Amino acid sequence: MQRIMTSTALLFAGALLLSGCAAGGGASTPSADACETVKSEVRDISNGAQNVLASGGDPSEVQSSLEDYSVRVTELGETTGDAASTELEALSGALDDAAEFAATLPSDPEAEVDADAVAEHQTAIQDAATAASENCTSE
């Protein structure tokens, strides 16, 4: 009877150990998780900001949306520590520049908008987002 209980206990302990390994227990570090968060959030922010610029509309709403994205980047930097901190600052700067540009957009929906300037801001946001994703350190 004692052998059966010992064998069962060992079998159960082994199963728990294997299930922990299969679930990734201890395999990822907080920094690696932080980088995944940075990559996911930066992609969402970049896409959203570029779409806001492309869609146009009320300049104050565009500006407000871009400022909100900049705040999200700042908050992301605070929660992820050093993971791509310099690049996140650059992304926040690109969003702030785009928000300032949005304030200069005409409020008349029929007015002509400088498409090249919009494209330049979209490119600056995309480049900064790409740098933040690519340079995230997971040490």
N, C-alpha and C. Protein backbone atom coordinates (compact mmCIF):
# COMPACT_ATOMS: atom_id res chain seq x y z
N MET A 1 0.82 -1.18 0.00
CA MET A 1 0.00 0.00 0.00
C MET A 1 0.88 1.26 0.00
N GLN A 2 1.97 1.20 0.76
CA GLN A 2 2.87 2.34 0.86
C GLN A 2 3.49 2.64 -0.50
N ARG A 3 3.84 1.61 -1.29
CA ARG A 3 4.43 1.82 -2.61
C ARG A 3 3.45 2.49 -3.56
N ILE A 4 2.22 2.11 -3.49
CA ILE A 4 1.21 2.70 -4.38
C ILE A 4 1.05 4.18 -4.08
N MET A 5 1.01 4.53 -2.79
CA MET A 5 0.85 5.93 -2.40
C MET A 5 2.07 6.74 -2.82
N THR A 6 3.29 6.18 -2.63
CA THR A 6 4.50 6.89 -3.02
C THR A 6 4.55 7.07 -4.53
N SER A 7 4.21 6.04 -5.28
CA SER A 7 4.21 6.11 -6.74
C SER A 7 3.18 7.12 -7.23
N THR A 8 2.03 7.11 -6.61
CA THR A 8 0.99 8.06 -7.00
C THR A 8 1.43 9.49 -6.71
N ALA A 9 2.05 9.70 -5.56
CA ALA A 9 2.52 11.04 -5.20
C ALA A 9 3.60 11.51 -6.17
N LEU A 10 4.52 10.63 -6.53
CA LEU A 10 5.56 10.99 -7.48
C LEU A 10 4.98 11.28 -8.87
N LEU A 11 4.03 10.49 -9.27
CA LEU A 11 3.39 10.68 -10.56
C LEU A 11 2.65 12.02 -10.58
N PHE A 12 1.94 12.32 -9.51
CA PHE A 12 1.20 13.58 -9.42
C PHE A 12 2.16 14.78 -9.41
N ALA A 13 3.26 14.69 -8.67
CA ALA A 13 4.25 15.76 -8.61
C ALA A 13 4.89 15.98 -9.98
N GLY A 14 5.18 14.90 -10.68
CA GLY A 14 5.75 15.00 -12.02
C GLY A 14 4.79 15.66 -12.99
N ALA A 15 3.53 15.31 -12.88
CA ALA A 15 2.52 15.91 -13.76
C ALA A 15 2.41 17.42 -13.50
N LEU A 16 2.46 17.82 -12.23
CA LEU A 16 2.41 19.25 -11.91
C LEU A 16 3.63 19.98 -12.45
N LEU A 17 4.78 19.36 -12.31
CA LEU A 17 6.01 19.97 -12.81
C LEU A 17 5.95 20.15 -14.32
N LEU A 18 5.51 19.12 -15.02
CA LEU A 18 5.42 19.21 -16.48
C LEU A 18 4.37 20.22 -16.92
N SER A 19 3.27 20.28 -16.22
CA SER A 19 2.24 21.25 -16.62
C SER A 19 2.74 22.67 -16.39
N GLY A 20 3.55 22.89 -15.37
CA GLY A 20 4.13 24.22 -15.14
C GLY A 20 5.09 24.60 -16.24
N CYS A 21 5.88 23.65 -16.71
CA CYS A 21 6.81 23.92 -17.81
C CYS A 21 6.05 24.18 -19.10
N ALA A 22 5.03 23.42 -19.35
CA ALA A 22 4.27 23.58 -20.58
C ALA A 22 3.53 24.91 -20.59
N ALA A 23 3.15 25.38 -19.44
CA ALA A 23 2.45 26.66 -19.36
C ALA A 23 3.41 27.84 -19.42
N GLY A 24 4.69 27.57 -19.48
CA GLY A 24 5.67 28.64 -19.59
C GLY A 24 6.08 29.19 -18.24
N GLY A 25 5.85 28.46 -17.21
CA GLY A 25 6.20 28.92 -15.87
C GLY A 25 7.68 29.23 -15.76
N GLY A 26 8.00 30.48 -15.50
CA GLY A 26 9.39 30.88 -15.33
C GLY A 26 10.14 31.07 -16.62
N ALA A 27 9.52 30.85 -17.77
CA ALA A 27 10.23 30.95 -19.03
C ALA A 27 10.37 32.39 -19.51
N SER A 28 9.45 33.25 -19.14
CA SER A 28 9.55 34.62 -19.61
C SER A 28 9.86 35.55 -18.45
N THR A 29 10.55 36.62 -18.77
CA THR A 29 10.93 37.57 -17.74
C THR A 29 9.98 38.76 -17.79
N PRO A 30 9.89 39.53 -16.73
CA PRO A 30 9.06 40.72 -16.79
C PRO A 30 9.47 41.66 -17.91
N SER A 31 10.76 41.75 -18.20
CA SER A 31 11.22 42.63 -19.28
C SER A 31 10.72 42.14 -20.64
N ALA A 32 10.70 40.83 -20.84
CA ALA A 32 10.18 40.29 -22.09
C ALA A 32 8.70 40.60 -22.20
N ASP A 33 7.97 40.48 -21.09
CA ASP A 33 6.55 40.84 -21.10
C ASP A 33 6.38 42.32 -21.37
N ALA A 34 7.26 43.15 -20.81
CA ALA A 34 7.19 44.59 -21.03
C ALA A 34 7.39 44.90 -22.50
N CYS A 35 8.31 44.22 -23.15
CA CYS A 35 8.54 44.45 -24.57
C CYS A 35 7.33 44.04 -25.41
N GLU A 36 6.71 42.94 -25.05
CA GLU A 36 5.52 42.53 -25.78
C GLU A 36 4.42 43.57 -25.61
N THR A 37 4.30 44.11 -24.40
CA THR A 37 3.32 45.16 -24.15
C THR A 37 3.64 46.40 -24.97
N VAL A 38 4.92 46.79 -24.99
CA VAL A 38 5.34 47.95 -25.77
C VAL A 38 4.98 47.74 -27.23
N LYS A 39 5.33 46.60 -27.78
CA LYS A 39 5.09 46.34 -29.20
C LYS A 39 3.60 46.40 -29.53
N SER A 40 2.79 45.78 -28.71
CA SER A 40 1.35 45.75 -28.96
C SER A 40 0.73 47.14 -28.83
N GLU A 41 1.04 47.83 -27.75
CA GLU A 41 0.47 49.16 -27.52
C GLU A 41 0.95 50.16 -28.55
N VAL A 42 2.23 50.11 -28.88
CA VAL A 42 2.80 51.05 -29.85
C VAL A 42 2.14 50.85 -31.21
N ARG A 43 1.92 49.62 -31.58
CA ARG A 43 1.25 49.33 -32.87
C ARG A 43 -0.16 49.93 -32.87
N ASP A 44 -0.91 49.72 -31.79
CA ASP A 44 -2.27 50.25 -31.70
C ASP A 44 -2.28 51.78 -31.73
N ILE A 45 -1.38 52.38 -30.96
CA ILE A 45 -1.30 53.84 -30.90
C ILE A 45 -0.92 54.41 -32.26
N SER A 46 0.08 53.84 -32.88
CA SER A 46 0.54 54.32 -34.18
C SER A 46 -0.57 54.23 -35.23
N ASN A 47 -1.22 53.09 -35.29
CA ASN A 47 -2.30 52.92 -36.27
C ASN A 47 -3.44 53.91 -36.01
N GLY A 48 -3.81 54.05 -34.74
CA GLY A 48 -4.89 54.96 -34.40
C GLY A 48 -4.56 56.40 -34.74
N ALA A 49 -3.35 56.83 -34.40
CA ALA A 49 -2.95 58.21 -34.67
C ALA A 49 -2.89 58.49 -36.17
N GLN A 50 -2.37 57.55 -36.93
CA GLN A 50 -2.30 57.75 -38.37
C GLN A 50 -3.69 57.81 -38.98
N ASN A 51 -4.60 56.98 -38.47
CA ASN A 51 -5.97 57.00 -38.97
C ASN A 51 -6.67 58.32 -38.63
N VAL A 52 -6.42 58.84 -37.44
CA VAL A 52 -7.01 60.12 -37.05
C VAL A 52 -6.54 61.22 -37.99
N LEU A 53 -5.25 61.22 -38.29
CA LEU A 53 -4.72 62.23 -39.21
C LEU A 53 -5.32 62.08 -40.61
N ALA A 54 -5.48 60.86 -41.05
CA ALA A 54 -5.99 60.61 -42.39
C ALA A 54 -7.47 60.96 -42.51
N SER A 55 -8.22 60.74 -41.45
CA SER A 55 -9.66 60.95 -41.53
C SER A 55 -10.05 62.42 -41.49
N GLY A 56 -9.19 63.24 -40.92
CA GLY A 56 -9.49 64.66 -40.86
C GLY A 56 -10.64 64.93 -39.90
N GLY A 57 -11.49 65.88 -40.28
CA GLY A 57 -12.60 66.25 -39.41
C GLY A 57 -12.32 67.51 -38.64
N ASP A 58 -12.99 67.66 -37.53
CA ASP A 58 -12.84 68.83 -36.69
C ASP A 58 -11.41 68.88 -36.15
N PRO A 59 -10.67 69.95 -36.45
CA PRO A 59 -9.27 70.04 -36.01
C PRO A 59 -9.09 69.88 -34.49
N SER A 60 -10.02 70.41 -33.71
CA SER A 60 -9.88 70.28 -32.25
C SER A 60 -10.06 68.83 -31.80
N GLU A 61 -10.91 68.07 -32.48
CA GLU A 61 -11.08 66.65 -32.16
C GLU A 61 -9.84 65.85 -32.57
N VAL A 62 -9.29 66.18 -33.74
CA VAL A 62 -8.07 65.51 -34.20
C VAL A 62 -6.94 65.80 -33.21
N GLN A 63 -6.81 67.07 -32.83
CA GLN A 63 -5.77 67.45 -31.88
C GLN A 63 -5.96 66.73 -30.55
N SER A 64 -7.16 66.68 -30.06
CA SER A 64 -7.45 66.03 -28.78
C SER A 64 -7.13 64.53 -28.85
N SER A 65 -7.50 63.90 -29.93
CA SER A 65 -7.21 62.47 -30.09
C SER A 65 -5.71 62.21 -30.10
N LEU A 66 -4.96 63.04 -30.81
CA LEU A 66 -3.51 62.87 -30.88
C LEU A 66 -2.87 63.11 -29.51
N GLU A 67 -3.39 64.09 -28.78
CA GLU A 67 -2.89 64.34 -27.42
C GLU A 67 -3.18 63.14 -26.51
N ASP A 68 -4.35 62.54 -26.69
CA ASP A 68 -4.69 61.34 -25.90
C ASP A 68 -3.72 60.19 -26.21
N TYR A 69 -3.37 60.03 -27.48
CA TYR A 69 -2.40 59.00 -27.84
C TYR A 69 -1.05 59.29 -27.21
N SER A 70 -0.66 60.54 -27.17
CA SER A 70 0.61 60.92 -26.54
C SER A 70 0.60 60.58 -25.05
N VAL A 71 -0.52 60.84 -24.39
CA VAL A 71 -0.65 60.49 -22.97
C VAL A 71 -0.53 58.97 -22.79
N ARG A 72 -1.15 58.21 -23.69
CA ARG A 72 -1.03 56.74 -23.61
C ARG A 72 0.42 56.29 -23.72
N VAL A 73 1.19 56.93 -24.59
CA VAL A 73 2.60 56.57 -24.74
C VAL A 73 3.36 56.89 -23.45
N THR A 74 3.09 58.05 -22.88
CA THR A 74 3.75 58.43 -21.62
C THR A 74 3.41 57.43 -20.52
N GLU A 75 2.14 57.06 -20.41
CA GLU A 75 1.73 56.07 -19.41
C GLU A 75 2.36 54.71 -19.67
N LEU A 76 2.47 54.35 -20.93
CA LEU A 76 3.12 53.09 -21.29
C LEU A 76 4.57 53.10 -20.83
N GLY A 77 5.26 54.20 -21.05
CA GLY A 77 6.65 54.31 -20.61
C GLY A 77 6.79 54.19 -19.11
N GLU A 78 5.82 54.72 -18.38
CA GLU A 78 5.86 54.64 -16.92
C GLU A 78 5.62 53.22 -16.42
N THR A 79 4.81 52.46 -17.12
CA THR A 79 4.50 51.10 -16.66
C THR A 79 5.51 50.07 -17.12
N THR A 80 6.27 50.35 -18.18
CA THR A 80 7.20 49.36 -18.70
C THR A 80 8.65 49.64 -18.33
N GLY A 81 8.90 50.70 -17.61
CA GLY A 81 10.26 50.99 -17.17
C GLY A 81 11.16 51.40 -18.32
N ASP A 82 12.36 50.81 -18.36
CA ASP A 82 13.36 51.20 -19.35
C ASP A 82 13.15 50.60 -20.74
N ALA A 83 12.16 49.74 -20.89
CA ALA A 83 11.92 49.09 -22.17
C ALA A 83 11.60 50.14 -23.23
N ALA A 84 12.54 50.44 -24.09
CA ALA A 84 12.38 51.38 -25.21
C ALA A 84 12.01 52.78 -24.75
N SER A 85 12.52 53.20 -23.59
CA SER A 85 12.11 54.50 -23.04
C SER A 85 12.48 55.67 -23.95
N THR A 86 13.66 55.66 -24.52
CA THR A 86 14.08 56.75 -25.41
C THR A 86 13.19 56.79 -26.65
N GLU A 87 12.90 55.64 -27.19
CA GLU A 87 12.07 55.56 -28.39
C GLU A 87 10.63 55.95 -28.09
N LEU A 88 10.15 55.61 -26.89
CA LEU A 88 8.80 56.01 -26.51
C LEU A 88 8.71 57.53 -26.38
N GLU A 89 9.77 58.14 -25.88
CA GLU A 89 9.80 59.61 -25.79
C GLU A 89 9.75 60.21 -27.20
N ALA A 90 10.44 59.60 -28.14
CA ALA A 90 10.43 60.08 -29.52
C ALA A 90 9.03 59.93 -30.13
N LEU A 91 8.36 58.84 -29.82
CA LEU A 91 7.00 58.63 -30.32
C LEU A 91 6.06 59.68 -29.73
N SER A 92 6.21 59.93 -28.45
CA SER A 92 5.39 60.95 -27.80
C SER A 92 5.63 62.31 -28.44
N GLY A 93 6.88 62.60 -28.76
CA GLY A 93 7.21 63.86 -29.43
C GLY A 93 6.59 63.96 -30.81
N ALA A 94 6.61 62.86 -31.56
CA ALA A 94 6.00 62.85 -32.90
C ALA A 94 4.49 63.07 -32.80
N LEU A 95 3.88 62.48 -31.78
CA LEU A 95 2.44 62.67 -31.58
C LEU A 95 2.13 64.11 -31.17
N ASP A 96 2.98 64.68 -30.32
CA ASP A 96 2.79 66.07 -29.91
C ASP A 96 2.92 67.01 -31.11
N ASP A 97 3.92 66.75 -31.97
CA ASP A 97 4.09 67.56 -33.18
C ASP A 97 2.87 67.45 -34.09
N ALA A 98 2.34 66.24 -34.21
CA ALA A 98 1.16 66.04 -35.04
C ALA A 98 -0.05 66.77 -34.44
N ALA A 99 -0.15 66.77 -33.12
CA ALA A 99 -1.25 67.47 -32.45
C ALA A 99 -1.15 68.98 -32.70
N GLU A 100 0.07 69.51 -32.64
CA GLU A 100 0.27 70.93 -32.93
C GLU A 100 -0.11 71.24 -34.39
N PHE A 101 0.26 70.34 -35.28
CA PHE A 101 -0.11 70.51 -36.69
C PHE A 101 -1.63 70.48 -36.84
N ALA A 102 -2.29 69.58 -36.14
CA ALA A 102 -3.74 69.46 -36.24
C ALA A 102 -4.44 70.75 -35.85
N ALA A 103 -3.85 71.47 -34.92
CA ALA A 103 -4.43 72.75 -34.49
C ALA A 103 -4.44 73.78 -35.61
N THR A 104 -3.58 73.58 -36.62
CA THR A 104 -3.51 74.53 -37.74
C THR A 104 -4.40 74.13 -38.91
N LEU A 105 -5.04 72.97 -38.81
CA LEU A 105 -5.90 72.52 -39.90
C LEU A 105 -7.13 73.41 -40.02
N PRO A 106 -7.60 73.58 -41.24
CA PRO A 106 -8.80 74.41 -41.42
C PRO A 106 -10.04 73.72 -40.84
N SER A 107 -10.92 74.52 -40.26
CA SER A 107 -12.14 73.94 -39.68
C SER A 107 -13.21 73.69 -40.75
N ASP A 108 -13.06 74.31 -41.90
CA ASP A 108 -13.99 74.09 -43.01
C ASP A 108 -13.69 72.73 -43.65
N PRO A 109 -14.67 71.82 -43.64
CA PRO A 109 -14.41 70.49 -44.21
C PRO A 109 -14.14 70.52 -45.72
N GLU A 110 -14.53 71.59 -46.38
CA GLU A 110 -14.31 71.72 -47.82
C GLU A 110 -12.94 72.32 -48.14
N ALA A 111 -12.26 72.85 -47.13
CA ALA A 111 -10.97 73.50 -47.35
C ALA A 111 -9.91 72.46 -47.70
N GLU A 112 -8.92 72.93 -48.44
CA GLU A 112 -7.84 72.04 -48.85
C GLU A 112 -6.85 71.85 -47.69
N VAL A 113 -6.44 70.61 -47.49
CA VAL A 113 -5.49 70.26 -46.43
C VAL A 113 -4.18 69.88 -47.10
N ASP A 114 -3.09 70.29 -46.51
CA ASP A 114 -1.76 69.97 -47.03
C ASP A 114 -1.49 68.47 -46.84
N ALA A 115 -1.76 67.71 -47.88
CA ALA A 115 -1.63 66.24 -47.82
C ALA A 115 -0.19 65.82 -47.54
N ASP A 116 0.77 66.59 -48.06
CA ASP A 116 2.18 66.25 -47.81
C ASP A 116 2.53 66.39 -46.33
N ALA A 117 2.01 67.43 -45.71
CA ALA A 117 2.27 67.64 -44.28
C ALA A 117 1.63 66.54 -43.45
N VAL A 118 0.42 66.14 -43.82
CA VAL A 118 -0.25 65.03 -43.12
C VAL A 118 0.60 63.77 -43.26
N ALA A 119 1.06 63.49 -44.47
CA ALA A 119 1.87 62.30 -44.72
C ALA A 119 3.18 62.35 -43.94
N GLU A 120 3.77 63.53 -43.83
CA GLU A 120 5.02 63.66 -43.07
C GLU A 120 4.81 63.31 -41.60
N HIS A 121 3.70 63.77 -41.04
CA HIS A 121 3.42 63.46 -39.63
C HIS A 121 3.09 61.99 -39.45
N GLN A 122 2.37 61.42 -40.40
CA GLN A 122 2.08 59.98 -40.33
C GLN A 122 3.37 59.17 -40.39
N THR A 123 4.28 59.56 -41.27
CA THR A 123 5.55 58.87 -41.40
C THR A 123 6.39 59.01 -40.13
N ALA A 124 6.40 60.20 -39.55
CA ALA A 124 7.16 60.42 -38.31
C ALA A 124 6.63 59.54 -37.19
N ILE A 125 5.32 59.43 -37.10
CA ILE A 125 4.70 58.57 -36.07
C ILE A 125 5.06 57.11 -36.33
N GLN A 126 4.94 56.68 -37.58
CA GLN A 126 5.25 55.29 -37.93
C GLN A 126 6.71 54.97 -37.66
N ASP A 127 7.61 55.85 -38.04
CA ASP A 127 9.04 55.61 -37.83
C ASP A 127 9.37 55.52 -36.34
N ALA A 128 8.78 56.42 -35.54
CA ALA A 128 9.03 56.39 -34.10
C ALA A 128 8.46 55.13 -33.47
N ALA A 129 7.30 54.71 -33.94
CA ALA A 129 6.68 53.48 -33.42
C ALA A 129 7.51 52.25 -33.78
N THR A 130 8.01 52.22 -34.99
CA THR A 130 8.85 51.11 -35.43
C THR A 130 10.13 51.06 -34.59
N ALA A 131 10.73 52.20 -34.34
CA ALA A 131 11.95 52.25 -33.52
C ALA A 131 11.67 51.76 -32.10
N ALA A 132 10.54 52.16 -31.54
CA ALA A 132 10.19 51.72 -30.17
C ALA A 132 10.00 50.21 -30.12
N SER A 133 9.38 49.65 -31.13
CA SER A 133 9.17 48.20 -31.16
C SER A 133 10.46 47.44 -31.37
N GLU A 134 11.28 47.93 -32.28
CA GLU A 134 12.51 47.22 -32.63
C GLU A 134 13.59 47.36 -31.56
N ASN A 135 13.59 48.45 -30.81
CA ASN A 135 14.66 48.70 -29.85
C ASN A 135 14.29 48.41 -28.40
N CYS A 136 13.21 47.73 -28.22
CA CYS A 136 12.80 47.37 -26.87
C CYS A 136 13.81 46.37 -26.31
N THR A 137 14.31 46.65 -25.11
CA THR A 137 15.30 45.77 -24.51
C THR A 137 14.63 44.85 -23.52
N SER A 138 14.88 43.57 -23.68
CA SER A 138 14.30 42.57 -22.76
C SER A 138 15.43 41.85 -22.05
N GLU A 139 16.21 42.61 -21.34
CA GLU A 139 17.37 42.05 -20.64
C GLU A 139 16.96 41.52 -19.29
